[in-house]
PDB file of N, CA and C in Angstrom:
ATOM      1  N   MET A   1     117.948  72.938  37.970  1.00  0.00           N
ATOM      2  CA  MET A   1     117.103  72.663  39.113  1.00  0.00           C
ATOM      3  C   MET A   1     115.961  73.680  39.160  1.00  0.00           C
ATOM      4  N   LYS A   2     114.787  73.193  39.338  1.00  0.00           N
ATOM      5  CA  LYS A   2     113.609  74.058  39.371  1.00  0.00           C
ATOM      6  C   LYS A   2     113.472  74.714  40.742  1.00  0.00           C
ATOM      7  N   LYS A   3     113.357  76.040  40.739  1.00  0.00           N
ATOM      8  CA  LYS A   3     113.210  76.755  42.001  1.00  0.00           C
ATOM      9  C   LYS A   3     111.760  76.694  42.472  1.00  0.00           C
ATOM     10  N   ASN A   4     111.617  76.772  43.757  1.00  0.00           N
ATOM     11  CA  ASN A   4     110.290  76.770  44.352  1.00  0.00           C
ATOM     12  C   ASN A   4     109.631  78.126  44.110  1.00  0.00           C
ATOM     13  N   ILE A   5     108.396  78.139  43.680  1.00  0.00           N
ATOM     14  CA  ILE A   5     107.684  79.374  43.359  1.00  0.00           C
ATOM     15  C   ILE A   5     107.503  80.246  44.599  1.00  0.00           C
ATOM     16  N   PHE A   6     107.329  79.611  45.767  1.00  0.00           N
ATOM     17  CA  PHE A   6     107.178  80.387  46.987  1.00  0.00           C
ATOM     18  C   PHE A   6     108.460  81.139  47.334  1.00  0.00           C
ATOM     19  N   LYS A   7     109.593  80.524  47.063  1.00  0.00           N
ATOM     20  CA  LYS A   7     110.870  81.185  47.348  1.00  0.00           C
ATOM     21  C   LYS A   7     111.055  82.395  46.444  1.00  0.00           C
ATOM     22  N   ILE A   8     110.702  82.257  45.185  1.00  0.00           N
ATOM     23  CA  ILE A   8     110.837  83.364  44.235  1.00  0.00           C
ATOM     24  C   ILE A   8     109.906  84.516  44.634  1.00  0.00           C
ATOM     25  N   LEU A   9     108.656  84.200  44.932  1.00  0.00           N
ATOM     26  CA  LEU A   9     107.698  85.236  45.340  1.00  0.00           C
ATOM     27  C   LEU A   9     108.100  85.881  46.655  1.00  0.00           C
ATOM     28  N   SER A  10     108.639  85.095  47.569  1.00  0.00           N
ATOM     29  CA  SER A  10     109.088  85.629  48.849  1.00  0.00           C
ATOM     30  C   SER A  10     110.241  86.606  48.648  1.00  0.00           C
ATOM     31  N   ASN A  11     111.193  86.239  47.795  1.00  0.00           N
ATOM     32  CA  ASN A  11     112.327  87.130  47.529  1.00  0.00           C
ATOM     33  C   ASN A  11     111.888  88.416  46.835  1.00  0.00           C
ATOM     34  N   ILE A  12     110.978  88.297  45.871  1.00  0.00           N
ATOM     35  CA  ILE A  12     110.503  89.486  45.159  1.00  0.00           C
ATOM     36  C   ILE A  12     109.775  90.427  46.111  1.00  0.00           C
ATOM     37  N   SER A  13     108.882  89.880  46.924  1.00  0.00           N
ATOM     38  CA  SER A  13     108.149  90.743  47.849  1.00  0.00           C
ATOM     39  C   SER A  13     109.074  91.333  48.911  1.00  0.00           C
ATOM     40  N   PHE A  14     110.113  90.597  49.309  1.00  0.00           N
ATOM     41  CA  PHE A  14     111.067  91.135  50.276  1.00  0.00           C
ATOM     42  C   PHE A  14     111.821  92.328  49.692  1.00  0.00           C
ATOM     43  N   TYR A  15     112.302  92.193  48.459  1.00  0.00           N
ATOM     44  CA  TYR A  15     113.071  93.290  47.858  1.00  0.00           C
ATOM     45  C   TYR A  15     112.192  94.498  47.534  1.00  0.00           C
ATOM     46  N   ILE A  16     110.952  94.268  47.151  1.00  0.00           N
ATOM     47  CA  ILE A  16     110.033  95.392  46.932  1.00  0.00           C
ATOM     48  C   ILE A  16     109.766  96.105  48.254  1.00  0.00           C
ATOM     49  N   GLY A  17     109.517  95.339  49.312  1.00  0.00           N
ATOM     50  CA  GLY A  17     109.300  95.928  50.630  1.00  0.00           C
ATOM     51  C   GLY A  17     110.518  96.671  51.130  1.00  0.00           C
ATOM     52  N   LEU A  18     111.690  96.111  50.883  1.00  0.00           N
ATOM     53  CA  LEU A  18     112.929  96.768  51.295  1.00  0.00           C
ATOM     54  C   LEU A  18     113.144  98.076  50.542  1.00  0.00           C
ATOM     55  N   ALA A  19     112.860  98.078  49.247  1.00  0.00           N
ATOM     56  CA  ALA A  19     113.010  99.301  48.450  1.00  0.00           C
ATOM     57  C   ALA A  19     112.008 100.371  48.891  1.00  0.00           C
ATOM     58  N   LEU A  20     110.770  99.968  49.129  1.00  0.00           N
ATOM     59  CA  LEU A  20     109.774 100.930  49.602  1.00  0.00           C
ATOM     60  C   LEU A  20     110.132 101.485  50.976  1.00  0.00           C
ATOM     61  N   PHE A  21     110.659 100.642  51.838  1.00  0.00           N
ATOM     62  CA  PHE A  21     111.061 101.093  53.163  1.00  0.00           C
ATOM     63  C   PHE A  21     112.243 102.065  53.075  1.00  0.00           C
ATOM     64  N   ALA A  22     113.200 101.770  52.179  1.00  0.00           N
ATOM     65  CA  ALA A  22     114.338 102.682  52.004  1.00  0.00           C
ATOM     66  C   ALA A  22     113.865 104.040  51.489  1.00  0.00           C
ATOM     67  N   TYR A  23     112.921 104.020  50.536  1.00  0.00           N
ATOM     68  CA  TYR A  23     112.378 105.277  50.035  1.00  0.00           C
ATOM     69  C   TYR A  23     111.618 106.014  51.142  1.00  0.00           C
ATOM     70  N   TYR A  24     110.882 105.273  51.953  1.00  0.00           N
ATOM     71  CA  TYR A  24     110.134 105.876  53.051  1.00  0.00           C
ATOM     72  C   TYR A  24     111.081 106.562  54.045  1.00  0.00           C
ATOM     73  N   ILE A  25     112.158 105.896  54.402  1.00  0.00           N
ATOM     74  CA  ILE A  25     113.119 106.484  55.336  1.00  0.00           C
ATOM     75  C   ILE A  25     113.749 107.732  54.731  1.00  0.00           C
ATOM     76  N   TYR A  26     114.112 107.663  53.453  1.00  0.00           N
ATOM     77  CA  TYR A  26     114.691 108.833  52.785  1.00  0.00           C
ATOM     78  C   TYR A  26     113.693 109.988  52.764  1.00  0.00           C
ATOM     79  N   ASP A  27     112.451 109.707  52.398  1.00  0.00           N
ATOM     80  CA  ASP A  27     111.419 110.734  52.331  1.00  0.00           C
ATOM     81  C   ASP A  27     111.127 111.304  53.719  1.00  0.00           C
ATOM     82  N   PHE A  28     111.112 110.449  54.718  1.00  0.00           N
ATOM     83  CA  PHE A  28     110.863 110.867  56.097  1.00  0.00           C
ATOM     84  C   PHE A  28     111.937 111.845  56.565  1.00  0.00           C
ATOM     85  N   ILE A  29     113.190 111.504  56.310  1.00  0.00           N
ATOM     86  CA  ILE A  29     114.291 112.371  56.745  1.00  0.00           C
ATOM     87  C   ILE A  29     114.324 113.664  55.938  1.00  0.00           C
ATOM     88  N   ALA A  30     114.093 113.567  54.627  1.00  0.00           N
ATOM     89  CA  ALA A  30     114.147 114.756  53.776  1.00  0.00           C
ATOM     90  C   ALA A  30     113.004 115.721  54.070  1.00  0.00           C
ATOM     91  N   SER A  31     111.816 115.192  54.306  1.00  0.00           N
ATOM     92  CA  SER A  31     110.681 116.088  54.551  1.00  0.00           C
ATOM     93  C   SER A  31     110.694 116.642  55.975  1.00  0.00           C
ATOM     94  N   ARG A  32     111.341 115.957  56.880  1.00  0.00           N
ATOM     95  CA  ARG A  32     111.405 116.410  58.263  1.00  0.00           C
ATOM     96  C   ARG A  32     112.207 117.695  58.407  1.00  0.00           C
ATOM     97  N   ALA A  33     113.174 117.880  57.542  1.00  0.00           N
ATOM     98  CA  ALA A  33     114.045 119.058  57.647  1.00  0.00           C
ATOM     99  C   ALA A  33     113.284 120.349  57.366  1.00  0.00           C
ATOM    100  N   GLY A  34     112.281 120.307  56.498  1.00  0.00           N
ATOM    101  CA  GLY A  34     111.581 121.527  56.121  1.00  0.00           C
ATOM    102  C   GLY A  34     110.277 121.767  56.855  1.00  0.00           C
ATOM    103  N   LEU A  35     109.944 120.936  57.825  1.00  0.00           N
ATOM    104  CA  LEU A  35     108.672 121.079  58.531  1.00  0.00           C
ATOM    105  C   LEU A  35     108.841 121.805  59.866  1.00  0.00           C
ATOM    106  N   PRO A  36     107.772 122.438  60.328  1.00  0.00           N
ATOM    107  CA  PRO A  36     107.829 123.055  61.657  1.00  0.00           C
ATOM    108  C   PRO A  36     107.977 121.992  62.759  1.00  0.00           C
ATOM    109  N   VAL A  37     108.146 122.427  63.965  1.00  0.00           N
ATOM    110  CA  VAL A  37     108.481 121.548  65.076  1.00  0.00           C
ATOM    111  C   VAL A  37     107.405 120.500  65.368  1.00  0.00           C
ATOM    112  N   ASP A  38     106.163 120.853  65.444  1.00  0.00           N
ATOM    113  CA  ASP A  38     105.127 119.918  65.873  1.00  0.00           C
ATOM    114  C   ASP A  38     104.370 119.235  64.731  1.00  0.00           C
ATOM    115  N   VAL A  39     104.939 119.150  63.563  1.00  0.00           N
ATOM    116  CA  VAL A  39     104.277 118.523  62.419  1.00  0.00           C
ATOM    117  C   VAL A  39     104.893 117.139  62.199  1.00  0.00           C
ATOM    118  N   CYS A  40     104.031 116.159  61.987  1.00  0.00           N
ATOM    119  CA  CYS A  40     104.487 114.777  61.797  1.00  0.00           C
ATOM    120  C   CYS A  40     104.707 114.490  60.308  1.00  0.00           C
ATOM    121  N   PRO A  41     105.909 114.117  59.917  1.00  0.00           N
ATOM    122  CA  PRO A  41     106.163 113.813  58.500  1.00  0.00           C
ATOM    123  C   PRO A  41     105.594 112.461  58.072  1.00  0.00           C
ATOM    124  N   PHE A  42     105.131 111.668  59.008  1.00  0.00           N
ATOM    125  CA  PHE A  42     104.577 110.357  58.677  1.00  0.00           C
ATOM    126  C   PHE A  42     103.277 110.466  57.892  1.00  0.00           C
ATOM    127  N   ASP A  43     102.525 111.535  58.111  1.00  0.00           N
ATOM    128  CA  ASP A  43     101.245 111.700  57.434  1.00  0.00           C
ATOM    129  C   ASP A  43     101.393 111.802  55.922  1.00  0.00           C
ATOM    130  N   ASN A  44     102.477 112.392  55.457  1.00  0.00           N
ATOM    131  CA  ASN A  44     102.683 112.570  54.008  1.00  0.00           C
ATOM    132  C   ASN A  44     103.087 111.279  53.312  1.00  0.00           C
ATOM    133  N   SER A  45     103.790 110.408  54.000  1.00  0.00           N
ATOM    134  CA  SER A  45     104.303 109.196  53.343  1.00  0.00           C
ATOM    135  C   SER A  45     103.740 107.919  53.956  1.00  0.00           C
ATOM    136  N   ARG A  46     102.576 107.991  54.515  1.00  0.00           N
ATOM    137  CA  ARG A  46     101.949 106.825  55.138  1.00  0.00           C
ATOM    138  C   ARG A  46     101.719 105.678  54.153  1.00  0.00           C
ATOM    139  N   PRO A  47     101.295 105.921  52.913  1.00  0.00           N
ATOM    140  CA  PRO A  47     101.093 104.786  51.988  1.00  0.00           C
ATOM    141  C   PRO A  47     102.363 103.983  51.729  1.00  0.00           C
ATOM    142  N   PHE A  48     103.518 104.646  51.698  1.00  0.00           N
ATOM    143  CA  PHE A  48     104.770 103.914  51.484  1.00  0.00           C
ATOM    144  C   PHE A  48     105.100 103.044  52.693  1.00  0.00           C
ATOM    145  N   ALA A  49     104.845 103.549  53.880  1.00  0.00           N
ATOM    146  CA  ALA A  49     105.113 102.766  55.088  1.00  0.00           C
ATOM    147  C   ALA A  49     104.189 101.557  55.162  1.00  0.00           C
ATOM    148  N   ILE A  50     102.931 101.747  54.836  1.00  0.00           N
ATOM    149  CA  ILE A  50     101.970 100.639  54.878  1.00  0.00           C
ATOM    150  C   ILE A  50     102.296  99.608  53.796  1.00  0.00           C
ATOM    151  N   ALA A  51     102.616 100.075  52.602  1.00  0.00           N
ATOM    152  CA  ALA A  51     102.948  99.153  51.514  1.00  0.00           C
ATOM    153  C   ALA A  51     104.219  98.363  51.827  1.00  0.00           C
ATOM    154  N   ALA A  52     105.237  99.038  52.360  1.00  0.00           N
ATOM    155  CA  ALA A  52     106.479  98.348  52.711  1.00  0.00           C
ATOM    156  C   ALA A  52     106.224  97.298  53.778  1.00  0.00           C
ATOM    157  N   THR A  53     105.430  97.634  54.782  1.00  0.00           N
ATOM    158  CA  THR A  53     105.108  96.687  55.839  1.00  0.00           C
ATOM    159  C   THR A  53     104.341  95.490  55.285  1.00  0.00           C
ATOM    160  N   CYS A  54     103.397  95.737  54.404  1.00  0.00           N
ATOM    161  CA  CYS A  54     102.616  94.639  53.800  1.00  0.00           C
ATOM    162  C   CYS A  54     103.504  93.708  52.987  1.00  0.00           C
ATOM    163  N   PHE A  55     104.385  94.261  52.166  1.00  0.00           N
ATOM    164  CA  PHE A  55     105.271  93.414  51.364  1.00  0.00           C
ATOM    165  C   PHE A  55     106.218  92.603  52.245  1.00  0.00           C
ATOM    166  N   LEU A  56     106.707  93.189  53.322  1.00  0.00           N
ATOM    167  CA  LEU A  56     107.607  92.451  54.202  1.00  0.00           C
ATOM    168  C   LEU A  56     106.857  91.355  54.961  1.00  0.00           C
ATOM    169  N   ILE A  57     105.628  91.599  55.341  1.00  0.00           N
ATOM    170  CA  ILE A  57     104.830  90.566  56.004  1.00  0.00           C
ATOM    171  C   ILE A  57     104.499  89.439  55.026  1.00  0.00           C
ATOM    172  N   ILE A  58     104.171  89.791  53.790  1.00  0.00           N
ATOM    173  CA  ILE A  58     103.909  88.773  52.765  1.00  0.00           C
ATOM    174  C   ILE A  58     105.151  87.914  52.540  1.00  0.00           C
ATOM    175  N   SER A  59     106.309  88.557  52.508  1.00  0.00           N
ATOM    176  CA  SER A  59     107.557  87.814  52.354  1.00  0.00           C
ATOM    177  C   SER A  59     107.774  86.850  53.508  1.00  0.00           C
ATOM    178  N   LEU A  60     107.482  87.296  54.708  1.00  0.00           N
ATOM    179  CA  LEU A  60     107.630  86.430  55.874  1.00  0.00           C
ATOM    180  C   LEU A  60     106.671  85.247  55.802  1.00  0.00           C
ATOM    181  N   ILE A  61     105.441  85.491  55.431  1.00  0.00           N
ATOM    182  CA  ILE A  61     104.446  84.414  55.343  1.00  0.00           C
ATOM    183  C   ILE A  61     104.832  83.409  54.255  1.00  0.00           C
ATOM    184  N   LEU A  62     105.261  83.908  53.104  1.00  0.00           N
ATOM    185  CA  LEU A  62     105.642  83.005  52.017  1.00  0.00           C
ATOM    186  C   LEU A  62     106.880  82.184  52.355  1.00  0.00           C
ATOM    187  N   SER A  63     107.745  82.711  53.216  1.00  0.00           N
ATOM    188  CA  SER A  63     108.953  81.962  53.569  1.00  0.00           C
ATOM    189  C   SER A  63     108.620  80.693  54.359  1.00  0.00           C
ATOM    190  N   PHE A  64     107.456  80.636  54.989  1.00  0.00           N
ATOM    191  CA  PHE A  64     107.065  79.422  55.698  1.00  0.00           C
ATOM    192  C   PHE A  64     106.696  78.298  54.737  1.00  0.00           C
ATOM    193  N   PHE A  65     106.337  78.628  53.512  1.00  0.00           N
ATOM    194  CA  PHE A  65     105.935  77.624  52.539  1.00  0.00           C
ATOM    195  C   PHE A  65     107.069  77.168  51.629  1.00  0.00           C
ATOM    196  N   GLU A  66     108.251  77.729  51.813  1.00  0.00           N
ATOM    197  CA  GLU A  66     109.388  77.333  50.984  1.00  0.00           C
ATOM    198  C   GLU A  66     109.821  75.915  51.328  1.00  0.00           C
ATOM    199  N   LYS A  67     110.255  75.211  50.310  1.00  0.00           N
ATOM    200  CA  LYS A  67     110.806  73.887  50.559  1.00  0.00           C
ATOM    201  C   LYS A  67     112.244  74.060  51.011  1.00  0.00           C
ATOM    202  N   LYS A  68     112.568  73.393  52.070  1.00  0.00           N
ATOM    203  CA  LYS A  68     113.943  73.417  52.552  1.00  0.00           C
ATOM    204  C   LYS A  68     114.697  72.299  51.845  1.00  0.00           C
ATOM    205  N   LYS A  69     115.822  72.636  51.249  1.00  0.00           N
ATOM    206  CA  LYS A  69     116.564  71.675  50.449  1.00  0.00           C
ATOM    207  C   LYS A  69     117.066  70.513  51.303  1.00  0.00           C
ATOM    208  N   GLU A  70     117.597  70.805  52.476  1.00  0.00           N
ATOM    209  CA  GLU A  70     118.129  69.759  53.325  1.00  0.00           C
ATOM    210  C   GLU A  70     117.032  68.809  53.794  1.00  0.00           C
ATOM    211  N   LYS A  71     115.904  69.359  54.211  1.00  0.00           N
ATOM    212  CA  LYS A  71     114.815  68.513  54.685  1.00  0.00           C
ATOM    213  C   LYS A  71     114.249  67.670  53.548  1.00  0.00           C
ATOM    214  N   ALA A  72     114.130  68.263  52.375  1.00  0.00           N
ATOM    215  CA  ALA A  72     113.589  67.517  51.233  1.00  0.00           C
ATOM    216  C   ALA A  72     114.532  66.382  50.848  1.00  0.00           C
ATOM    217  N   ASP A  73     115.844  66.634  50.880  1.00  0.00           N
ATOM    218  CA  ASP A  73     116.807  65.589  50.545  1.00  0.00           C
ATOM    219  C   ASP A  73     116.808  64.481  51.587  1.00  0.00           C
ATOM    220  N   LYS A  74     116.706  64.839  52.865  1.00  0.00           N
ATOM    221  CA  LYS A  74     116.698  63.832  53.918  1.00  0.00           C
ATOM    222  C   LYS A  74     115.460  62.957  53.836  1.00  0.00           C
ATOM    223  N   THR A  75     114.329  63.563  53.592  1.00  0.00           N
ATOM    224  CA  THR A  75     113.107  62.766  53.531  1.00  0.00           C
ATOM    225  C   THR A  75     113.109  61.846  52.322  1.00  0.00           C
ATOM    226  N   SER A  76     113.636  62.298  51.211  1.00  0.00           N
ATOM    227  CA  SER A  76     113.680  61.427  50.032  1.00  0.00           C
ATOM    228  C   SER A  76     114.680  60.297  50.245  1.00  0.00           C
ATOM    229  N   ASP A  77     115.798  60.576  50.926  1.00  0.00           N
ATOM    230  CA  ASP A  77     116.764  59.525  51.236  1.00  0.00           C
ATOM    231  C   ASP A  77     116.178  58.517  52.214  1.00  0.00           C
ATOM    232  N   GLU A  78     115.435  59.002  53.208  1.00  0.00           N
ATOM    233  CA  GLU A  78     114.810  58.105  54.170  1.00  0.00           C
ATOM    234  C   GLU A  78     113.760  57.235  53.500  1.00  0.00           C
ATOM    235  N   GLN A  79     113.030  57.787  52.563  1.00  0.00           N
ATOM    236  CA  GLN A  79     112.015  57.003  51.865  1.00  0.00           C
ATOM    237  C   GLN A  79     112.669  55.924  51.015  1.00  0.00           C
ATOM    238  N   LYS A  80     113.800  56.255  50.404  1.00  0.00           N
ATOM    239  CA  LYS A  80     114.513  55.253  49.611  1.00  0.00           C
ATOM    240  C   LYS A  80     115.018  54.127  50.500  1.00  0.00           C
ATOM    241  N   ASP A  81     115.533  54.485  51.681  1.00  0.00           N
ATOM    242  CA  ASP A  81     116.027  53.462  52.616  1.00  0.00           C
ATOM    243  C   ASP A  81     114.884  52.580  53.104  1.00  0.00           C
ATOM    244  N   ASP A  82     113.722  53.170  53.355  1.00  0.00           N
ATOM    245  CA  ASP A  82     112.564  52.406  53.808  1.00  0.00           C
ATOM    246  C   ASP A  82     112.099  51.410  52.752  1.00  0.00           C
ATOM    247  N   THR A  83     112.120  51.812  51.496  1.00  0.00           N
ATOM    248  CA  THR A  83     111.671  50.898  50.436  1.00  0.00           C
ATOM    249  C   THR A  83     112.684  49.773  50.243  1.00  0.00           C
ATOM    250  N   LYS A  84     113.977  50.069  50.456  1.00  0.00           N
ATOM    251  CA  LYS A  84     114.987  49.007  50.341  1.00  0.00           C
ATOM    252  C   LYS A  84     114.842  47.998  51.478  1.00  0.00           C
ATOM    253  N   ASP A  85     114.524  48.493  52.671  1.00  0.00           N
ATOM    254  CA  ASP A  85     114.365  47.598  53.818  1.00  0.00           C
ATOM    255  C   ASP A  85     113.151  46.689  53.658  1.00  0.00           C
ATOM    256  N   LYS A  86     112.115  47.169  53.027  1.00  0.00           N
ATOM    257  CA  LYS A  86     110.897  46.384  52.868  1.00  0.00           C
ATOM    258  C   LYS A  86     111.095  45.257  51.859  1.00  0.00           C
ATOM    259  N   LYS A  87     111.985  45.435  50.914  1.00  0.00           N
ATOM    260  CA  LYS A  87     112.213  44.406  49.878  1.00  0.00           C
ATOM    261  C   LYS A  87     113.085  43.341  50.394  1.00  0.00           C
TER     262      LYS A  87
END
């Protein structure tokens, strides 16, 4: 069975975003321990947070274009029934 390209791209971007977010959280916690009280650790790892957010948003957007198996099967079955009724 051929997979939908949007589903594959959505899954890839989701896992990349998840990995970047996990690294960001690890880096945030690790760098926070060695910083003074009023210093924000977000400034050092901002690109990872932005990249993770972008990949997760892309994954969400691509998930709207995925073909749903149940809906696709129902519509094809309904179309077959309609053509039988017309004959």
